[in-house]
Amino acid sequence: MVDGDDGSTSAGEFSTSAESPAERTNPQLTQGFPQAALNPGADDEDDVSRETPPTAASTDTSFAAFEEANTPLARAVAAQLQAQQRARFGEPAPRPKETRVLVVANQKGGVGKTTTTVNLAAALAQLGQKVLVIDLDPQGNASTALAIDHRRGTTSSYDVLVDGVPLTDAVQPHPEVEGLWVVPATIDLAGAEIELVNLMSRESRLRKAIHAHPWVQDGGADDERFDYVFVDCPPSLGLLTLNAMVAGEEVLIPIQAEYYALEGLGQLLETVEMVRAHLNPTLAVSTILITMYDARTRLAAGVADEVREHFADQVLATAIPRSVRVSEAPSYGQSVMTYDPSSPGALSYLEAARELAVKGAAR
């Protein structure tokens, strides 16, 4: 039950040391809470007679049964089960009127750009949206987390930017999440910054490619269009990030709840204003998401308060907590939404995705 880098425990996450690799790589086997966590004595065959019929109390794992127990652990389990039931059976999020192109950017590394991109995209897909993720980071971490092949030679965002390959040729469907597509990034993208310098319309090549796709904006029937396009940017303000900002209309900034994360924010906002003035007048910082939030520390609360004071409605009410599950998921080629859908990190990203969708539909 360890949650966070400091080894703190959280009643919101449950895991067992007996969990097999197959169960971890296949979230369908561990949907909800592991039975060993809900019924610790279920596997102890030495203490339970095989002839003893199970009682209703031992098999009832509904949140009502846990509420009746009236203990702190039972109440925590009940709250998590209720949240998961809402996530699984809740109404789909409202679709936007047209395709929203969001640029996920922050010049500081390690603030959760890629993690936010893949998990928000997966969460929105689970909420009934059609989502495209464009990996524009040469490291290809978003492609890895979404289990998309991005070996050298794979048609990727590099081919779209440098060689003018249609975006439709680079799009791959996610192998597990319905409604989610990905344009991977290969190592070739590392040299794109230099190659783009001598190309015509070097700042707007991604914009042309996105708007040429038949599922973007009003290019196709309403049911066939993308609702969201997320562009995962590298942690720098070069030509790749510039292409993304010219292509999008909204900037989504993940901010780690630590002091250093605020230092580079001013320069990023200056870049956004420069792009607005010269290349893309419709660009705006629409969403700020606080990540790696530790409610136990005054520093995290102070940073969150300062961000909300300066940016007001742009900051999502949902903050993403520190979570081991969120960090573990990419090593299994998954987002936390499929890796451990009942974890606090997954539920927080799902709530943030719904908030993003509702706020966008209200505009």
Protein backbone atom coordinates (compact mmCIF):
# COMPACT_ATOMS: atom_id res chain seq x y z
CA MET A 1 0.00 0.00 0.00
CA VAL A 2 2.88 2.33 -0.68
CA ASP A 3 1.91 5.47 -2.52
CA GLY A 4 4.47 8.14 -3.29
CA ASP A 5 8.23 8.44 -3.48
CA ASP A 6 8.58 8.99 0.25
CA GLY A 7 7.14 5.59 1.13
CA SER A 8 3.93 6.97 2.67
CA THR A 9 0.92 4.71 2.80
CA SER A 10 -2.42 5.46 1.25
CA ALA A 11 -5.65 3.70 1.96
CA GLY A 12 -6.69 4.61 -1.60
CA GLU A 13 -4.43 1.99 -3.25
CA PHE A 14 -4.41 -1.70 -2.59
CA SER A 15 -1.95 -4.25 -3.93
CA THR A 16 -0.68 -7.64 -2.87
CA SER A 17 2.77 -9.08 -2.97
CA ALA A 18 1.30 -12.27 -4.43
CA GLU A 19 0.08 -10.48 -7.55
CA SER A 20 1.43 -12.23 -10.63
CA PRO A 21 3.00 -10.49 -13.68
CA ALA A 22 0.08 -11.74 -15.79
CA GLU A 23 -2.38 -9.96 -13.52
CA ARG A 24 -0.40 -6.75 -13.67
CA THR A 25 -0.01 -6.73 -17.46
CA ASN A 26 -3.65 -7.59 -17.97
CA PRO A 27 -5.75 -5.09 -16.01
CA GLN A 28 -8.90 -7.11 -16.75
CA LEU A 29 -7.67 -9.70 -14.26
CA THR A 30 -7.42 -7.11 -11.53
CA GLN A 31 -10.34 -4.87 -12.36
CA GLY A 32 -11.40 -3.18 -9.13
CA PHE A 33 -9.64 -4.25 -5.97
CA PRO A 34 -7.60 -7.47 -5.74
CA GLN A 35 -9.68 -10.03 -3.88
CA ALA A 36 -6.81 -10.69 -1.49
CA ALA A 37 -7.01 -7.05 -0.41
CA LEU A 38 -10.75 -7.18 0.07
CA ASN A 39 -10.72 -10.59 1.83
CA PRO A 40 -7.25 -11.19 3.29
CA GLY A 41 -8.04 -14.74 4.40
CA ALA A 42 -9.44 -15.93 1.07
CA ASP A 43 -6.22 -17.68 0.02
CA ASP A 44 -5.43 -19.17 3.40
CA GLU A 45 -6.75 -22.69 2.82
CA ASP A 46 -5.21 -24.00 6.05
CA ASP A 47 -7.52 -21.81 8.14
CA VAL A 48 -10.75 -22.26 6.16
CA SER A 49 -12.49 -25.60 5.66
CA ARG A 50 -13.25 -26.48 2.06
CA GLU A 51 -16.67 -27.71 3.19
CA THR A 52 -17.62 -24.44 4.86
CA PRO A 53 -20.08 -22.61 2.57
CA PRO A 54 -19.22 -18.96 1.96
CA THR A 55 -21.36 -16.45 3.80
CA ALA A 56 -22.91 -13.38 2.25
CA ALA A 57 -20.55 -11.19 4.25
CA SER A 58 -17.48 -12.97 2.82
CA THR A 59 -18.58 -12.64 -0.81
CA ASP A 60 -20.31 -9.25 -0.81
CA THR A 61 -17.74 -6.71 -2.08
CA SER A 62 -20.21 -3.90 -2.78
CA PHE A 63 -19.50 -0.53 -1.24
CA ALA A 64 -22.65 -0.87 0.91
CA ALA A 65 -21.15 -3.90 2.64
CA PHE A 66 -17.98 -1.98 3.45
CA GLU A 67 -19.92 1.02 4.70
CA GLU A 68 -21.71 -1.23 7.18
CA ALA A 69 -18.37 -2.33 8.63
CA ASN A 70 -17.81 1.28 9.78
CA THR A 71 -14.04 1.12 10.14
CA PRO A 72 -11.53 3.54 8.58
CA LEU A 73 -10.21 0.89 6.17
CA ALA A 74 -13.72 -0.19 5.20
CA ARG A 75 -14.79 3.40 4.57
CA ALA A 76 -11.71 3.96 2.39
CA VAL A 77 -12.50 0.85 0.36
CA ALA A 78 -16.14 1.96 0.04
CA ALA A 79 -15.10 5.38 -1.24
CA GLN A 80 -12.79 3.85 -3.82
CA LEU A 81 -15.43 1.37 -5.00
CA GLN A 82 -17.95 4.17 -5.39
CA ALA A 83 -15.49 6.25 -7.39
CA GLN A 84 -14.63 3.32 -9.61
CA GLN A 85 -18.30 2.50 -10.17
CA ARG A 86 -18.93 6.10 -11.25
CA ALA A 87 -15.93 5.89 -13.58
CA ARG A 88 -17.10 2.63 -15.11
CA PHE A 89 -20.81 3.31 -15.42
CA GLY A 90 -20.96 7.10 -15.47
CA GLU A 91 -22.32 9.05 -18.39
CA PRO A 92 -19.96 9.81 -21.30
CA ALA A 93 -18.37 13.25 -21.27
CA PRO A 94 -19.92 15.89 -23.55
CA ARG A 95 -18.32 16.10 -26.97
CA PRO A 96 -16.86 19.44 -28.09
CA LYS A 97 -18.43 21.27 -31.01
CA GLU A 98 -15.26 20.82 -33.06
CA THR A 99 -11.89 19.14 -32.72
CA ARG A 100 -9.85 20.61 -29.88
CA VAL A 101 -6.10 20.62 -30.53
CA LEU A 102 -4.24 20.84 -27.21
CA VAL A 103 -0.50 21.39 -26.99
CA VAL A 104 0.94 19.84 -23.82
CA ALA A 105 4.03 21.91 -23.11
CA ASN A 106 6.39 22.99 -20.35
CA GLN A 107 10.04 23.72 -20.94
CA LYS A 108 10.97 22.10 -17.62
CA GLY A 109 11.46 18.36 -17.75
CA GLY A 110 9.98 15.94 -15.26
CA VAL A 111 6.75 17.83 -14.57
CA GLY A 112 4.49 15.18 -16.07
CA LYS A 113 3.94 16.31 -19.68
CA THR A 114 3.98 12.86 -21.25
CA THR A 115 2.25 11.24 -18.28
CA THR A 116 -0.50 13.85 -18.47
CA THR A 117 -0.83 13.47 -22.24
CA VAL A 118 -1.26 9.71 -22.31
CA ASN A 119 -3.49 9.47 -19.24
CA LEU A 120 -5.80 12.33 -20.17
CA ALA A 121 -6.06 10.90 -23.68
CA ALA A 122 -6.86 7.41 -22.39
CA ALA A 123 -9.32 8.80 -19.84
CA LEU A 124 -11.16 10.84 -22.47
CA ALA A 125 -11.36 7.79 -24.72
CA GLN A 126 -12.90 5.86 -21.82
CA LEU A 127 -15.40 8.69 -21.47
CA GLY A 128 -16.59 8.17 -25.03
CA GLN A 129 -14.38 10.66 -26.89
CA LYS A 130 -12.31 10.07 -30.03
CA VAL A 131 -8.74 11.08 -29.27
CA LEU A 132 -5.51 11.38 -31.26
CA VAL A 133 -2.11 11.64 -29.57
CA ILE A 134 0.79 13.03 -31.60
CA ASP A 135 4.15 12.19 -30.04
CA LEU A 136 6.50 15.06 -30.87
CA ASP A 137 9.20 14.17 -28.34
CA PRO A 138 12.25 12.38 -29.85
CA GLN A 139 12.43 10.18 -26.74
CA GLY A 140 9.14 8.59 -27.79
CA ASN A 141 7.93 8.11 -24.23
CA ALA A 142 4.27 8.66 -25.12
CA SER A 143 4.55 5.98 -27.80
CA THR A 144 6.07 3.60 -25.26
CA ALA A 145 3.40 4.27 -22.66
CA LEU A 146 0.67 3.64 -25.22
CA ALA A 147 2.23 0.40 -26.52
CA ILE A 148 2.74 1.78 -30.04
CA ASP A 149 5.58 0.51 -32.22
CA HIS A 150 8.11 3.32 -32.73
CA ARG A 151 11.21 1.55 -33.96
CA ARG A 152 13.32 3.23 -36.62
CA GLY A 153 11.60 2.82 -39.96
CA THR A 154 8.09 3.15 -38.54
CA THR A 155 6.07 5.90 -40.18
CA SER A 156 6.09 8.59 -37.52
CA SER A 157 5.75 12.26 -36.72
CA TYR A 158 9.20 12.76 -38.26
CA ASP A 159 7.93 11.67 -41.66
CA VAL A 160 4.92 13.96 -41.30
CA LEU A 161 7.02 17.01 -40.41
CA VAL A 162 10.08 16.59 -42.59
CA ASP A 163 8.91 14.51 -45.57
CA GLY A 164 5.31 15.74 -45.76
CA VAL A 165 3.80 12.27 -45.33
CA PRO A 166 0.01 12.51 -44.73
CA LEU A 167 -0.98 12.18 -41.11
CA THR A 168 -3.35 9.35 -42.02
CA ASP A 169 -0.34 7.19 -42.97
CA ALA A 170 1.27 7.64 -39.54
CA VAL A 171 -1.78 7.08 -37.31
CA GLN A 172 -1.97 3.79 -35.40
CA PRO A 173 -4.93 2.63 -33.29
CA HIS A 174 -4.29 1.84 -29.65
CA PRO A 175 -4.26 -1.94 -29.17
CA GLU A 176 -6.53 -1.89 -26.09
CA VAL A 177 -8.35 1.42 -25.69
CA GLU A 178 -11.18 1.95 -28.16
CA GLY A 179 -11.37 5.48 -29.52
CA LEU A 180 -7.66 6.24 -29.08
CA TRP A 181 -5.15 6.68 -31.92
CA VAL A 182 -1.46 7.57 -31.81
CA VAL A 183 1.14 9.07 -34.15
CA PRO A 184 4.43 7.68 -32.77
CA ALA A 185 7.82 9.37 -32.54
CA THR A 186 11.03 7.64 -33.61
CA ILE A 187 14.65 8.49 -32.87
CA ASP A 188 14.81 10.19 -36.30
CA LEU A 189 12.89 13.08 -34.77
CA ALA A 190 16.05 14.08 -32.87
CA GLY A 191 17.47 15.53 -36.07
CA ALA A 192 14.27 17.22 -37.19
CA GLU A 193 15.15 20.52 -35.49
CA ILE A 194 18.12 20.93 -37.87
CA GLU A 195 16.34 19.61 -40.96
CA LEU A 196 13.32 21.88 -40.50
CA VAL A 197 15.47 25.02 -40.61
CA ASN A 198 15.85 24.89 -44.39
CA LEU A 199 12.28 23.83 -45.21
CA MET A 200 9.47 26.05 -46.46
CA SER A 201 6.80 26.96 -43.87
CA ARG A 202 8.89 25.27 -41.23
CA GLU A 203 6.71 26.52 -38.36
CA SER A 204 3.36 25.46 -39.81
CA ARG A 205 4.02 21.99 -41.23
CA LEU A 206 2.30 20.18 -38.38
CA ARG A 207 -0.73 22.48 -38.58
CA LYS A 208 -1.19 21.72 -42.27
CA ALA A 209 -0.87 17.99 -41.63
CA ILE A 210 -3.41 18.00 -38.78
CA HIS A 211 -6.03 20.03 -40.62
CA ALA A 212 -5.61 17.89 -43.73
CA HIS A 213 -6.76 14.82 -41.79
CA PRO A 214 -10.40 13.97 -42.67
CA TRP A 215 -11.30 13.42 -39.00
CA VAL A 216 -10.24 16.90 -37.85
CA GLN A 217 -12.65 19.84 -37.47
CA ASP A 218 -15.56 19.58 -39.92
CA GLY A 219 -13.74 17.50 -42.51
CA GLY A 220 -15.93 14.44 -41.92
CA ALA A 221 -19.23 13.37 -40.46
CA ASP A 222 -19.75 14.34 -36.84
CA ASP A 223 -19.45 10.78 -35.56
CA GLU A 224 -16.18 10.24 -37.40
CA ARG A 225 -14.21 13.29 -36.32
CA PHE A 226 -11.60 13.45 -33.57
CA ASP A 227 -12.84 15.22 -30.46
CA TYR A 228 -9.33 15.87 -29.13
CA VAL A 229 -5.83 16.01 -30.55
CA PHE A 230 -3.04 16.05 -27.93
CA VAL A 231 0.46 17.04 -29.04
CA ASP A 232 3.16 15.89 -26.59
CA CYS A 233 6.06 18.34 -26.84
CA PRO A 234 9.74 17.91 -25.93
CA PRO A 235 11.06 19.79 -22.87
CA SER A 236 12.46 22.65 -24.97
CA LEU A 237 11.21 25.64 -26.92
CA GLY A 238 12.65 24.70 -30.32
CA LEU A 239 11.08 24.20 -33.73
CA LEU A 240 9.22 21.06 -32.67
CA THR A 241 7.42 22.88 -29.86
CA LEU A 242 6.91 25.88 -32.15
CA ASN A 243 5.24 23.63 -34.74
CA ALA A 244 2.94 22.30 -32.04
CA MET A 245 1.97 25.79 -30.87
CA VAL A 246 1.21 26.94 -34.39
CA ALA A 247 -0.89 23.81 -34.93
CA GLY A 248 -2.96 24.09 -31.75
CA GLU A 249 -5.42 26.54 -30.33
CA GLU A 250 -5.00 25.58 -26.68
CA VAL A 251 -1.96 25.08 -24.48
CA LEU A 252 -2.22 22.65 -21.58
CA ILE A 253 0.53 23.18 -19.01
CA PRO A 254 1.26 20.51 -16.37
CA ILE A 255 2.90 22.10 -13.33
CA GLN A 256 4.59 20.05 -10.65
CA ALA A 257 3.64 21.17 -7.17
CA GLU A 258 7.18 22.32 -6.37
CA TYR A 259 8.90 25.70 -6.44
CA TYR A 260 11.32 24.97 -9.30
CA ALA A 261 8.44 24.10 -11.61
CA LEU A 262 7.31 27.73 -11.51
CA GLU A 263 10.63 29.18 -12.62
CA GLY A 264 10.34 28.29 -16.31
CA LEU A 265 6.67 29.14 -16.54
CA GLY A 266 7.31 32.81 -17.31
CA GLN A 267 9.46 32.01 -20.33
CA LEU A 268 6.86 29.56 -21.62
CA LEU A 269 4.14 32.20 -21.35
CA GLU A 270 6.38 34.65 -23.23
CA THR A 271 6.77 32.09 -26.01
CA VAL A 272 3.00 31.63 -26.18
CA GLU A 273 2.55 35.39 -26.51
CA MET A 274 5.21 35.54 -29.24
CA VAL A 275 3.41 32.82 -31.21
CA ARG A 276 0.10 34.63 -30.73
CA ALA A 277 1.56 37.86 -32.04
CA HIS A 278 3.30 36.50 -35.11
CA LEU A 279 2.11 33.01 -36.08
CA ASN A 280 -1.11 31.87 -34.41
CA PRO A 281 -3.42 34.56 -33.00
CA THR A 282 -5.91 31.95 -31.73
CA LEU A 283 -3.43 30.28 -29.36
CA ALA A 284 -4.18 30.59 -25.63
CA VAL A 285 -3.28 28.89 -22.37
CA SER A 286 -6.61 27.22 -21.66
CA THR A 287 -5.71 24.61 -19.05
CA ILE A 288 -3.23 24.21 -16.21
CA LEU A 289 -3.03 20.92 -14.34
CA ILE A 290 -1.21 20.54 -11.03
CA THR A 291 0.68 17.25 -10.94
CA MET A 292 2.65 15.25 -8.35
CA TYR A 293 0.63 16.90 -5.60
CA ASP A 294 1.32 15.85 -2.03
CA ALA A 295 -1.41 17.23 0.22
CA ARG A 296 0.65 16.52 3.34
CA THR A 297 3.24 19.20 2.57
CA ARG A 298 2.84 22.94 2.95
CA LEU A 299 5.04 23.50 -0.08
CA ALA A 300 2.66 21.69 -2.43
CA ALA A 301 -0.32 23.54 -1.01
CA GLY A 302 1.52 26.85 -1.31
CA VAL A 303 2.48 26.26 -4.94
CA ALA A 304 -1.08 25.20 -5.78
CA ASP A 305 -2.52 28.29 -4.11
CA GLU A 306 -0.10 30.56 -5.94
CA VAL A 307 -0.90 29.00 -9.32
CA ARG A 308 -4.64 29.26 -8.71
CA GLU A 309 -4.29 32.87 -7.56
CA HIS A 310 -2.52 33.89 -10.78
CA PHE A 311 -4.41 31.77 -13.32
CA ALA A 312 -7.84 31.39 -11.69
CA ASP A 313 -10.25 29.52 -13.97
CA GLN A 314 -7.49 28.11 -16.17
CA VAL A 315 -6.42 25.76 -13.36
CA LEU A 316 -8.35 22.50 -13.11
CA ALA A 317 -9.87 21.89 -9.70
CA THR A 318 -8.53 18.33 -9.82
CA ALA A 319 -4.89 17.87 -8.85
CA ILE A 320 -2.96 14.69 -9.68
CA PRO A 321 -1.45 13.09 -6.55
CA ARG A 322 1.92 11.44 -6.36
CA SER A 323 1.37 7.78 -7.14
CA VAL A 324 3.60 4.78 -7.60
CA ARG A 325 1.02 3.30 -9.98
CA VAL A 326 1.29 6.28 -12.33
CA SER A 327 5.08 5.86 -12.45
CA GLU A 328 4.94 2.09 -12.90
CA ALA A 329 2.43 2.00 -15.74
CA PRO A 330 4.77 2.98 -18.66
CA SER A 331 7.15 0.13 -17.85
CA TYR A 332 4.29 -2.23 -18.75
CA GLY A 333 3.43 -0.33 -21.93
CA GLN A 334 0.23 1.05 -20.42
CA SER A 335 -1.34 4.20 -19.13
CA VAL A 336 -2.42 4.13 -15.51
CA MET A 337 -6.00 4.10 -16.78
CA THR A 338 -5.57 0.49 -17.91
CA TYR A 339 -2.74 -0.53 -15.61
CA ASP A 340 -4.58 0.14 -12.35
CA PRO A 341 -7.93 1.84 -13.03
CA SER A 342 -8.88 1.88 -9.34
CA SER A 343 -5.76 3.71 -8.15
CA PRO A 344 -5.96 7.33 -6.92
CA GLY A 345 -3.83 8.46 -9.88
CA ALA A 346 -6.17 6.87 -12.44
CA LEU A 347 -9.30 8.20 -10.75
CA SER A 348 -7.75 11.69 -10.56
CA TYR A 349 -6.85 11.70 -14.25
CA LEU A 350 -10.37 10.48 -15.08
CA GLU A 351 -11.87 13.31 -13.05
CA ALA A 352 -9.49 15.83 -14.67
CA ALA A 353 -10.47 14.55 -18.12
CA ARG A 354 -14.16 14.93 -17.34
CA GLU A 355 -13.54 18.44 -16.01
CA LEU A 356 -11.59 19.32 -19.15
CA ALA A 357 -14.43 18.04 -21.33
CA VAL A 358 -17.18 19.81 -19.40
CA LYS A 359 -15.33 23.14 -19.37
CA GLY A 360 -14.63 22.85 -23.08
CA ALA A 361 -18.23 22.05 -23.95
CA ALA A 362 -19.42 25.07 -21.97
CA ARG A 363 -17.37 27.52 -24.01
